[in-house]
Amino acid sequence: MYDLGFFQLLCCPIEASSADLKKSIAFYHEIFTEAMQEMKVNLAYSIEEMRDEFESTLLMALMHVVSGAPFWCLGPQSNHVSRQRLRRAILDAYSRNLLEYTPTHETT
């Protein structure tokens, strides 16, 4: 799911990376389930579990994208699309409250 999050944030077309996220996860779940069946692996992994795991790893994927941003999104090989993907990834994380910070202790 971490890899899927990274892929969604950095590699998908901007319009598909967040707008069609439910469709992407459903498609991924369908292909994943079919692959497990073909390999004769009995794995009960519901789409709800996959969505939850995706959500729980999305912040790590975003941090991976942000840490690579100087190269992927701002470097000499970057372009307008890569910068838009980074912008959209950060805005999407903000809208999901993934960037919310709760201090663990008081500061004076």
C-alpha atoms as a PDB file:
ATOM      1  CA  MET A   1       0.000   0.000   0.000  1.00  0.00           C
ATOM      2  CA  TYR A   2       2.945   2.274   0.626  1.00  0.00           C
ATOM      3  CA  ASP A   3       4.082   1.724  -2.962  1.00  0.00           C
ATOM      4  CA  LEU A   4       0.570   2.347  -4.244  1.00  0.00           C
ATOM      5  CA  GLY A   5       0.440   5.596  -2.289  1.00  0.00           C
ATOM      6  CA  PHE A   6       3.790   6.653  -3.703  1.00  0.00           C
ATOM      7  CA  PHE A   7       2.629   5.746  -7.207  1.00  0.00           C
ATOM      8  CA  GLN A   8      -0.647   7.651  -6.769  1.00  0.00           C
ATOM      9  CA  LEU A   9       1.139  10.738  -5.474  1.00  0.00           C
ATOM     10  CA  LEU A  10       4.005  10.918  -7.919  1.00  0.00           C
ATOM     11  CA  CYS A  11       3.219   8.942 -11.056  1.00  0.00           C
ATOM     12  CA  CYS A  12      -0.492   9.103 -11.808  1.00  0.00           C
ATOM     13  CA  PRO A  13      -2.014  11.808 -13.951  1.00  0.00           C
ATOM     14  CA  ILE A  14      -3.012  14.718 -11.742  1.00  0.00           C
ATOM     15  CA  GLU A  15      -6.711  14.309 -12.446  1.00  0.00           C
ATOM     16  CA  ALA A  16      -6.635  10.583 -11.601  1.00  0.00           C
ATOM     17  CA  SER A  17      -4.419  10.624  -8.559  1.00  0.00           C
ATOM     18  CA  SER A  18      -6.911  11.916  -6.034  1.00  0.00           C
ATOM     19  CA  ALA A  19     -10.242  12.303  -7.833  1.00  0.00           C
ATOM     20  CA  ASP A  20     -10.463   8.628  -8.789  1.00  0.00           C
ATOM     21  CA  LEU A  21      -8.715   7.222  -5.734  1.00  0.00           C
ATOM     22  CA  LYS A  22     -11.606   4.914  -4.805  1.00  0.00           C
ATOM     23  CA  LYS A  23     -11.651   3.547  -8.359  1.00  0.00           C
ATOM     24  CA  SER A  24      -7.881   3.076  -8.330  1.00  0.00           C
ATOM     25  CA  ILE A  25      -7.932   1.147  -5.069  1.00  0.00           C
ATOM     26  CA  ALA A  26     -10.882  -0.955  -6.254  1.00  0.00           C
ATOM     27  CA  PHE A  27      -9.036  -1.769  -9.480  1.00  0.00           C
ATOM     28  CA  TYR A  28      -5.835  -2.547  -7.575  1.00  0.00           C
ATOM     29  CA  HIS A  29      -7.770  -4.781  -5.156  1.00  0.00           C
ATOM     30  CA  GLU A  30      -9.383  -6.658  -8.043  1.00  0.00           C
ATOM     31  CA  ILE A  31      -6.046  -7.289  -9.782  1.00  0.00           C
ATOM     32  CA  PHE A  32      -4.335  -8.168  -6.481  1.00  0.00           C
ATOM     33  CA  THR A  33      -7.081 -10.660  -5.581  1.00  0.00           C
ATOM     34  CA  GLU A  34      -6.928 -12.266  -9.030  1.00  0.00           C
ATOM     35  CA  ALA A  35      -3.135 -12.581  -8.790  1.00  0.00           C
ATOM     36  CA  MET A  36      -3.387 -14.240  -5.369  1.00  0.00           C
ATOM     37  CA  GLN A  37      -5.973 -16.691  -6.710  1.00  0.00           C
ATOM     38  CA  GLU A  38      -3.798 -17.536  -9.723  1.00  0.00           C
ATOM     39  CA  MET A  39      -0.873 -18.214  -7.374  1.00  0.00           C
ATOM     40  CA  LYS A  40      -3.214 -20.341  -5.248  1.00  0.00           C
ATOM     41  CA  VAL A  41      -2.644 -18.129  -2.208  1.00  0.00           C
ATOM     42  CA  ASN A  42      -5.595 -18.132   0.155  1.00  0.00           C
ATOM     43  CA  LEU A  43      -5.525 -14.576   1.425  1.00  0.00           C
ATOM     44  CA  ALA A  44      -8.552 -12.861   2.904  1.00  0.00           C
ATOM     45  CA  TYR A  45      -7.814  -9.186   2.252  1.00  0.00           C
ATOM     46  CA  SER A  46     -10.964  -7.152   1.855  1.00  0.00           C
ATOM     47  CA  ILE A  47     -11.151  -3.915  -0.038  1.00  0.00           C
ATOM     48  CA  GLU A  48     -11.960  -2.188   3.266  1.00  0.00           C
ATOM     49  CA  GLU A  49      -8.716  -3.528   4.766  1.00  0.00           C
ATOM     50  CA  MET A  50      -6.832  -2.379   1.688  1.00  0.00           C
ATOM     51  CA  ARG A  51      -8.348   1.117   1.912  1.00  0.00           C
ATOM     52  CA  ASP A  52      -7.497   1.334   5.619  1.00  0.00           C
ATOM     53  CA  GLU A  53      -3.936   0.207   5.014  1.00  0.00           C
ATOM     54  CA  PHE A  54      -3.607   2.643   2.124  1.00  0.00           C
ATOM     55  CA  GLU A  55      -4.802   5.489   4.347  1.00  0.00           C
ATOM     56  CA  SER A  56      -2.427   4.477   7.142  1.00  0.00           C
ATOM     57  CA  THR A  57       0.617   4.509   4.828  1.00  0.00           C
ATOM     58  CA  LEU A  58      -0.273   7.600   2.807  1.00  0.00           C
ATOM     59  CA  LEU A  59       1.627   9.996   5.058  1.00  0.00           C
ATOM     60  CA  MET A  60       4.797   7.876   4.721  1.00  0.00           C
ATOM     61  CA  ALA A  61       4.370   7.909   0.955  1.00  0.00           C
ATOM     62  CA  LEU A  62       3.901  11.680   1.015  1.00  0.00           C
ATOM     63  CA  MET A  63       7.067  12.106   3.097  1.00  0.00           C
ATOM     64  CA  HIS A  64       8.924   9.966   0.550  1.00  0.00           C
ATOM     65  CA  VAL A  65       7.685  12.228  -2.241  1.00  0.00           C
ATOM     66  CA  VAL A  66       8.552  15.379  -0.284  1.00  0.00           C
ATOM     67  CA  SER A  67      12.041  14.096   0.548  1.00  0.00           C
ATOM     68  CA  GLY A  68      12.639  13.424  -3.149  1.00  0.00           C
ATOM     69  CA  ALA A  69      11.013  16.664  -4.277  1.00  0.00           C
ATOM     70  CA  PRO A  70      14.291  18.518  -4.843  1.00  0.00           C
ATOM     71  CA  PHE A  71      15.115  15.917  -7.476  1.00  0.00           C
ATOM     72  CA  TRP A  72      11.733  14.697  -8.791  1.00  0.00           C
ATOM     73  CA  CYS A  73       9.700  17.885  -8.624  1.00  0.00           C
ATOM     74  CA  LEU A  74      12.170  20.749  -8.578  1.00  0.00           C
ATOM     75  CA  GLY A  75      15.311  19.357 -10.199  1.00  0.00           C
ATOM     76  CA  PRO A  76      16.583  19.775 -13.750  1.00  0.00           C
ATOM     77  CA  GLN A  77      14.481  16.870 -15.060  1.00  0.00           C
ATOM     78  CA  SER A  78      11.257  18.120 -13.457  1.00  0.00           C
ATOM     79  CA  ASN A  79       8.452  19.852 -15.282  1.00  0.00           C
ATOM     80  CA  HIS A  80       5.130  21.552 -14.660  1.00  0.00           C
ATOM     81  CA  VAL A  81       3.347  18.222 -14.203  1.00  0.00           C
ATOM     82  CA  SER A  82       5.745  17.009 -11.510  1.00  0.00           C
ATOM     83  CA  ARG A  83       5.383  20.292  -9.630  1.00  0.00           C
ATOM     84  CA  GLN A  84       1.593  20.059  -9.888  1.00  0.00           C
ATOM     85  CA  ARG A  85       1.710  16.488  -8.561  1.00  0.00           C
ATOM     86  CA  LEU A  86       3.732  17.603  -5.553  1.00  0.00           C
ATOM     87  CA  ARG A  87       1.366  20.507  -4.932  1.00  0.00           C
ATOM     88  CA  ARG A  88      -1.672  18.243  -5.242  1.00  0.00           C
ATOM     89  CA  ALA A  89      -0.139  15.606  -2.950  1.00  0.00           C
ATOM     90  CA  ILE A  90       0.441  18.170  -0.220  1.00  0.00           C
ATOM     91  CA  LEU A  91      -3.031  19.690  -0.611  1.00  0.00           C
ATOM     92  CA  ASP A  92      -4.606  16.228  -0.593  1.00  0.00           C
ATOM     93  CA  ALA A  93      -2.716  15.305   2.589  1.00  0.00           C
ATOM     94  CA  TYR A  94      -3.818  18.558   4.185  1.00  0.00           C
ATOM     95  CA  SER A  95      -7.468  17.956   3.241  1.00  0.00           C
ATOM     96  CA  ARG A  96      -7.273  14.469   4.837  1.00  0.00           C
ATOM     97  CA  ASN A  97      -5.807  15.972   8.040  1.00  0.00           C
ATOM     98  CA  LEU A  98      -2.658  13.905   7.559  1.00  0.00           C
ATOM     99  CA  LEU A  99      -0.508  16.937   8.280  1.00  0.00           C
ATOM    100  CA  GLU A 100      -2.176  17.738  11.574  1.00  0.00           C
ATOM    101  CA  TYR A 101       0.337  18.114  14.367  1.00  0.00           C
ATOM    102  CA  THR A 102      -0.486  17.394  17.987  1.00  0.00           C
ATOM    103  CA  PRO A 103       2.292  18.264  20.432  1.00  0.00           C
ATOM    104  CA  THR A 104       3.081  15.487  22.874  1.00  0.00           C
ATOM    105  CA  HIS A 105       4.109  17.918  25.609  1.00  0.00           C
ATOM    106  CA  GLU A 106       3.673  21.556  26.470  1.00  0.00           C
ATOM    107  CA  THR A 107       6.331  24.043  25.525  1.00  0.00           C
ATOM    108  CA  THR A 108       7.036  27.162  27.519  1.00  0.00           C
END
